[in-house]
Each structure stands twice: as structure tokens, then as C-alpha cells.
C-alpha atoms as a PDB file:
ATOM      1  CA  MET A   1     -20.458 -73.298 -72.523  1.00  0.00           C
ATOM      2  CA  GLU A   2     -18.918 -72.479 -69.164  1.00  0.00           C
ATOM      3  CA  LEU A   3     -20.479 -73.403 -65.845  1.00  0.00           C
ATOM      4  CA  ILE A   4     -20.310 -70.759 -63.128  1.00  0.00           C
ATOM      5  CA  ALA A   5     -21.845 -70.544 -59.662  1.00  0.00           C
ATOM      6  CA  ILE A   6     -23.847 -67.519 -58.612  1.00  0.00           C
ATOM      7  CA  ILE A   7     -24.016 -67.096 -54.863  1.00  0.00           C
ATOM      8  CA  LEU A   8     -27.020 -65.145 -53.586  1.00  0.00           C
ATOM      9  CA  HIS A   9     -27.295 -63.730 -50.066  1.00  0.00           C
ATOM     10  CA  LEU A  10     -30.985 -63.551 -49.215  1.00  0.00           C
ATOM     11  CA  LEU A  11     -32.897 -61.326 -46.807  1.00  0.00           C
ATOM     12  CA  ASN A  12     -33.939 -64.315 -44.680  1.00  0.00           C
ATOM     13  CA  GLY A  13     -30.275 -65.150 -43.934  1.00  0.00           C
ATOM     14  CA  GLU A  14     -29.962 -68.033 -46.375  1.00  0.00           C
ATOM     15  CA  VAL A  15     -27.222 -68.341 -48.980  1.00  0.00           C
ATOM     16  CA  ALA A  16     -28.194 -69.919 -52.305  1.00  0.00           C
ATOM     17  CA  LYS A  17     -25.516 -71.359 -54.612  1.00  0.00           C
ATOM     18  CA  ILE A  18     -26.876 -71.812 -58.132  1.00  0.00           C
ATOM     19  CA  PRO A  19     -24.962 -73.322 -61.059  1.00  0.00           C
ATOM     20  CA  VAL A  20     -25.522 -71.440 -64.319  1.00  0.00           C
ATOM     21  CA  GLY A  21     -24.274 -72.376 -67.789  1.00  0.00           C
ATOM     22  CA  LEU A  22     -23.401 -69.464 -70.075  1.00  0.00           C
ATOM     23  CA  ALA A  23     -21.917 -69.170 -73.545  1.00  0.00           C
ATOM     24  CA  LEU A  24     -18.197 -68.380 -73.357  1.00  0.00           C
ATOM     25  CA  ASN A  25     -18.480 -64.983 -75.012  1.00  0.00           C
ATOM     26  CA  LYS A  26     -21.198 -63.819 -72.603  1.00  0.00           C
ATOM     27  CA  VAL A  27     -19.807 -64.910 -69.237  1.00  0.00           C
ATOM     28  CA  THR A  28     -20.497 -62.121 -66.760  1.00  0.00           C
ATOM     29  CA  CYS A  29     -21.883 -62.270 -63.262  1.00  0.00           C
ATOM     30  CA  GLU A  30     -24.596 -59.801 -64.186  1.00  0.00           C
ATOM     31  CA  ASN A  31     -25.825 -62.032 -67.041  1.00  0.00           C
ATOM     32  CA  ALA A  32     -25.984 -65.015 -64.679  1.00  0.00           C
ATOM     33  CA  PHE A  33     -27.792 -62.945 -62.045  1.00  0.00           C
ATOM     34  CA  TYR A  34     -30.533 -61.849 -64.448  1.00  0.00           C
ATOM     35  CA  LYS A  35     -31.077 -65.461 -65.577  1.00  0.00           C
ATOM     36  CA  VAL A  36     -31.981 -66.733 -62.095  1.00  0.00           C
ATOM     37  CA  VAL A  37     -33.810 -63.861 -60.360  1.00  0.00           C
ATOM     38  CA  ASP A  38     -37.183 -62.192 -60.552  1.00  0.00           C
ATOM     39  CA  LYS A  39     -37.406 -58.395 -60.579  1.00  0.00           C
ATOM     40  CA  ASN A  40     -40.102 -56.669 -58.563  1.00  0.00           C
ATOM     41  CA  GLU A  41     -40.952 -53.707 -60.772  1.00  0.00           C
ATOM     42  CA  ASN A  42     -42.939 -51.915 -58.054  1.00  0.00           C
ATOM     43  CA  GLN A  43     -40.183 -51.921 -55.436  1.00  0.00           C
ATOM     44  CA  ASN A  44     -37.060 -52.020 -57.648  1.00  0.00           C
ATOM     45  CA  THR A  45     -35.872 -55.170 -55.870  1.00  0.00           C
ATOM     46  CA  PHE A  46     -34.757 -58.614 -56.999  1.00  0.00           C
ATOM     47  CA  HIS A  47     -36.051 -61.899 -55.596  1.00  0.00           C
ATOM     48  CA  TYR A  48     -35.046 -65.560 -55.720  1.00  0.00           C
ATOM     49  CA  LYS A  49     -37.869 -68.000 -54.954  1.00  0.00           C
ATOM     50  CA  GLY A  50     -39.863 -65.170 -53.416  1.00  0.00           C
ATOM     51  CA  VAL A  51     -37.106 -63.934 -51.071  1.00  0.00           C
ATOM     52  CA  GLU A  52     -35.416 -60.562 -51.554  1.00  0.00           C
ATOM     53  CA  ILE A  53     -31.728 -60.642 -52.536  1.00  0.00           C
ATOM     54  CA  LEU A  54     -29.306 -58.526 -50.506  1.00  0.00           C
ATOM     55  CA  GLY A  55     -26.157 -59.241 -52.532  1.00  0.00           C
ATOM     56  CA  TYR A  56     -24.553 -61.650 -54.971  1.00  0.00           C
ATOM     57  CA  TYR A  57     -21.252 -62.715 -56.528  1.00  0.00           C
ATOM     58  CA  CYS A  58     -20.079 -65.336 -59.005  1.00  0.00           C
ATOM     59  CA  LYS A  59     -17.224 -67.819 -59.271  1.00  0.00           C
ATOM     60  CA  ASN A  60     -16.128 -70.129 -62.067  1.00  0.00           C
ATOM     61  CA  ASN A  61     -15.422 -73.854 -61.646  1.00  0.00           C
ATOM     62  CA  LYS A  62     -11.807 -73.030 -60.664  1.00  0.00           C
ATOM     63  CA  GLY A  63     -12.969 -70.804 -57.801  1.00  0.00           C
ATOM     64  CA  ASP A  64     -11.994 -67.547 -59.531  1.00  0.00           C
ATOM     65  CA  TRP A  65     -14.253 -64.503 -59.221  1.00  0.00           C
ATOM     66  CA  ILE A  66     -16.327 -63.590 -62.300  1.00  0.00           C
ATOM     67  CA  PRO A  67     -16.740 -59.818 -62.772  1.00  0.00           C
END
């Protein structure tokens, strides 16, 4: 299992950094994103703790970007 950090930029101006553990063969930023967010089906938006997400990216424990 590899630990990566998903960084979420939220509508309220906050930045959330969330550690996520994923199996080595499934390490993608998109997989990590879907594990930690809630999807609003009515508005086609994603939320984290009730706040809309504007953008996100992921890095591994070495600081490298995860596609």
C-alpha cells in the first residue's frame, strides 16, 4: 500500500490535505479523489465536508505528482 496526499482547494478558500492509502496497482489521483469526496448528483459537483471542491491534485510521499 502506498500513501499519497490529495490536496483539495475548496470554495470557501480553505485547502485540505488528506492522506490516502491505496493499493500499489491502483494508485491514481482520481481513485484517491473519489475515496474522500461526496458527489452532489443534482448539481454535478463534488464536496468535502459539505464544502464544494474547486480543484485537486495529488502527491506521493516523495513529493512527486500523481497523475
